[in-house]
C-alpha cells in the first residue's frame, strides 16, 4: 500500500497559526476561552493552539490556562464492538468551562462519532456558553450531522483510504499522510 504525505511540519505549523487566528476572531479575543484536546493527538494540538493564541493575544504566559484534555473513552458508542482504549485523564483548566467558549480539538474529523462522544463527556464536566470544533484534518464521510468550525485542511478521501497524523509530541515528527486505494 502506498502512503503519500499531504502535510509536512511547516504545513501543520501554518494550519495551527491560521486556526488560532480564526478562533480569536470568532471569539472576539481570547477571554473566556478553553481548548480541550481529545486524546490522543488532539491534546498536543490543543496545547499548540493555546500557545499560538496566547502569543497572538500578546499574553504568552496565559497559554497554560487555555488548554486541557477531555477523555471520551467511556462515552464512545463502539465499546461493545471490542475496541478498547485505556481511559486517559480529563484535565480542565482551573477557571473551569462554565459560561466559557469551549473549543474541542481533534486531529481528524471522519464519521463524527468521536465528537458526539466528546459532547456527551463535556456535558458531564460543565455547562459552556458555546462549543466549537477545531480539527487539523476534515476528511468527510460523516455518519452524524457534525461539522468543524475551524479546519486545518479539508482532505477529500475515499472510505477505503486511511489518514495518519503524526505529531512530534507522540510520534517524533509532524506529518499527515494518506494510504490505501481509491474506490
Protein backbone atom coordinates (compact mmCIF):
# COMPACT_ATOMS: atom_id res chain seq x y z
CA UNK A 1 0.00 0.00 0.00
CA UNK A 2 1.40 3.36 -0.94
CA UNK A 3 1.44 6.19 1.52
CA UNK A 4 1.67 9.81 0.46
CA UNK A 5 2.35 12.83 2.64
CA UNK A 6 -0.21 15.60 2.29
CA UNK A 7 1.00 17.90 5.10
CA UNK A 8 4.53 18.28 6.42
CA UNK A 9 5.75 20.06 9.56
CA UNK A 10 5.67 23.62 8.09
CA UNK A 11 2.16 22.98 6.68
CA UNK A 12 0.93 21.85 10.11
CA UNK A 13 2.52 24.86 11.78
CA UNK A 14 0.80 27.23 9.32
CA UNK A 15 -2.53 25.45 9.82
CA UNK A 16 -2.26 25.83 13.60
CA UNK A 17 -1.45 29.53 13.28
CA UNK A 18 -4.39 30.07 10.92
CA UNK A 19 -6.79 28.14 13.16
CA UNK A 20 -5.57 30.16 16.18
CA UNK A 21 -6.35 33.41 14.33
CA UNK A 22 -9.79 32.08 13.35
CA UNK A 23 -10.57 31.09 16.94
CA UNK A 24 -9.56 34.52 18.26
CA UNK A 25 -11.63 36.23 15.58
CA UNK A 26 -14.76 34.13 16.13
CA UNK A 27 -14.44 34.51 19.92
CA UNK A 28 -13.63 38.24 19.67
CA UNK A 29 -10.44 37.69 21.66
CA UNK A 30 -9.08 35.05 23.97
CA UNK A 31 -11.10 35.87 27.09
CA UNK A 32 -13.41 33.14 28.38
CA UNK A 33 -11.85 30.62 26.00
CA UNK A 34 -10.95 27.00 26.81
CA UNK A 35 -9.39 24.48 24.40
CA UNK A 36 -9.98 20.83 25.21
CA UNK A 37 -7.98 18.28 23.25
CA UNK A 38 -9.40 14.83 22.63
CA UNK A 39 -6.76 12.16 23.37
CA UNK A 40 -4.50 11.21 21.80
CA UNK A 41 -3.38 13.67 19.17
CA UNK A 42 -5.99 16.31 19.94
CA UNK A 43 -4.26 17.07 23.25
CA UNK A 44 -0.92 18.26 21.82
CA UNK A 45 -2.82 20.13 19.10
CA UNK A 46 -4.87 21.93 21.79
CA UNK A 47 -1.68 22.90 23.60
CA UNK A 48 -0.08 24.17 20.39
CA UNK A 49 -3.20 26.19 19.61
CA UNK A 50 -3.20 27.59 23.17
CA UNK A 51 0.42 28.71 22.75
CA UNK A 52 -0.37 30.33 19.40
CA UNK A 53 -3.49 32.07 20.76
CA UNK A 54 -1.65 33.34 23.84
CA UNK A 55 1.21 34.61 21.67
CA UNK A 56 -1.10 36.32 19.15
CA UNK A 57 -3.04 37.90 22.03
CA UNK A 58 0.18 39.27 23.48
CA UNK A 59 -0.14 37.19 26.66
CA UNK A 60 2.16 34.17 26.20
CA UNK A 61 2.09 33.47 29.93
CA UNK A 62 -1.60 32.52 29.68
CA UNK A 63 -1.08 29.53 27.35
CA UNK A 64 -1.20 27.05 30.23
CA UNK A 65 -4.55 28.45 31.38
CA UNK A 66 -6.23 27.89 27.99
CA UNK A 67 -5.73 24.19 27.27
CA UNK A 68 -6.79 20.91 28.81
CA UNK A 69 -7.94 17.47 27.73
CA UNK A 70 -11.27 15.67 27.60
CA UNK A 71 -11.25 11.88 27.75
CA UNK A 72 -14.17 10.36 25.85
CA UNK A 73 -13.37 6.67 26.23
CA UNK A 74 -16.41 5.73 28.30
CA UNK A 75 -18.74 7.78 26.07
CA UNK A 76 -17.86 6.01 22.83
CA UNK A 77 -20.58 4.01 21.09
CA UNK A 78 -18.13 1.36 19.87
CA UNK A 79 -17.14 -0.07 23.28
CA UNK A 80 -19.35 -3.11 22.76
CA UNK A 81 -17.57 -3.86 19.48
CA UNK A 82 -14.41 -4.98 21.24
CA UNK A 83 -12.31 -1.91 20.52
CA UNK A 84 -10.99 -0.58 23.79
CA UNK A 85 -8.54 2.08 24.78
CA UNK A 86 -7.43 2.77 28.35
CA UNK A 87 -9.03 5.95 29.68
CA UNK A 88 -6.77 8.98 29.92
CA UNK A 89 -7.18 11.80 32.40
CA UNK A 90 -9.53 14.70 31.76
CA UNK A 91 -7.80 17.93 32.71
CA UNK A 92 -9.83 21.12 32.87
CA UNK A 93 -8.08 24.50 33.27
CA UNK A 94 -8.51 25.95 36.76
CA UNK A 95 -11.10 28.54 35.61
CA UNK A 96 -13.39 25.67 34.52
CA UNK A 97 -15.65 25.60 31.47
CA UNK A 98 -18.92 27.01 32.80
CA UNK A 99 -20.06 30.04 30.74
CA UNK A 100 -16.92 29.81 28.58
CA UNK A 101 -16.44 29.15 24.89
CA UNK A 102 -15.04 25.64 24.68
CA UNK A 103 -13.19 24.59 21.55
CA UNK A 104 -12.94 20.82 21.19
CA UNK A 105 -9.71 19.95 19.36
CA UNK A 106 -9.06 16.73 17.45
CA UNK A 107 -6.69 15.58 14.74
CA UNK A 108 -9.09 14.06 12.16
CA UNK A 109 -12.82 14.52 11.69
CA UNK A 110 -14.29 11.49 9.96
CA UNK A 111 -17.64 9.95 10.95
CA UNK A 112 -18.42 12.45 13.73
CA UNK A 113 -18.80 9.73 16.37
CA UNK A 114 -15.77 10.85 18.37
CA UNK A 115 -17.17 14.38 18.57
CA UNK A 116 -20.60 13.07 19.59
CA UNK A 117 -18.89 11.23 22.44
CA UNK A 118 -16.95 14.41 23.33
CA UNK A 119 -20.18 16.41 23.55
CA UNK A 120 -21.62 13.80 25.93
CA UNK A 121 -18.44 13.87 28.05
CA UNK A 122 -18.42 17.67 28.07
CA UNK A 123 -21.98 17.76 29.43
CA UNK A 124 -20.77 15.80 32.47
CA UNK A 125 -17.95 18.28 33.11
CA UNK A 126 -19.85 21.57 32.99
CA UNK A 127 -22.02 23.93 31.02
CA UNK A 128 -20.13 26.00 28.47
CA UNK A 129 -21.71 29.05 26.84
CA UNK A 130 -20.64 27.83 23.37
CA UNK A 131 -18.93 24.77 21.95
CA UNK A 132 -16.88 24.91 18.77
CA UNK A 133 -14.80 22.30 16.97
CA UNK A 134 -11.28 22.65 15.57
CA UNK A 135 -9.64 19.82 13.63
CA UNK A 136 -6.36 19.52 11.79
CA UNK A 137 -7.94 17.41 9.00
CA UNK A 138 -11.54 17.05 7.85
CA UNK A 139 -11.78 14.02 5.59
CA UNK A 140 -15.56 13.89 5.11
CA UNK A 141 -17.73 10.75 5.27
CA UNK A 142 -19.93 11.84 8.19
CA UNK A 143 -22.32 9.41 9.88
CA UNK A 144 -23.68 12.20 12.12
CA UNK A 145 -24.61 15.83 11.40
CA UNK A 146 -21.41 17.31 12.85
CA UNK A 147 -19.12 19.84 11.20
CA UNK A 148 -15.93 21.59 12.23
CA UNK A 149 -15.84 25.35 12.80
CA UNK A 150 -12.07 25.52 12.21
CA UNK A 151 -10.24 23.18 9.81
CA UNK A 152 -6.55 22.99 9.02
CA UNK A 153 -7.07 21.06 5.78
CA UNK A 154 -10.11 19.63 4.02
CA UNK A 155 -8.91 16.35 2.61
CA UNK A 156 -11.35 14.55 0.32
CA UNK A 157 -10.74 10.82 0.71
CA UNK A 158 -12.40 7.60 -0.25
CA UNK A 159 -13.74 5.45 2.55
CA UNK A 160 -11.07 2.83 1.75
CA UNK A 161 -8.25 5.27 2.47
CA UNK A 162 -6.72 5.91 5.90
CA UNK A 163 -5.43 9.23 7.20
CA UNK A 164 -2.45 9.15 9.55
CA UNK A 165 -1.50 12.14 11.68
CA UNK A 166 1.93 12.14 13.29
CA UNK A 167 2.83 14.74 15.90
CA UNK A 168 6.25 15.33 17.41
CA UNK A 169 4.96 15.01 20.98
CA UNK A 170 3.71 11.45 20.35
CA UNK A 171 5.32 10.17 17.15
CA UNK A 172 8.59 12.09 16.86
CA UNK A 173 7.67 14.13 13.77
CA UNK A 174 4.88 16.23 12.28
CA UNK A 175 3.09 14.98 9.17
CA UNK A 176 -0.24 13.94 7.73
CA UNK A 177 -0.34 11.13 5.21
CA UNK A 178 -2.89 9.02 3.35
CA UNK A 179 -2.65 5.36 2.47
CA UNK A 180 -4.95 2.99 0.65
CA UNK A 181 -6.59 2.95 -2.72
CA UNK A 182 -9.39 4.87 -4.29
CA UNK A 183 -12.77 3.16 -4.58
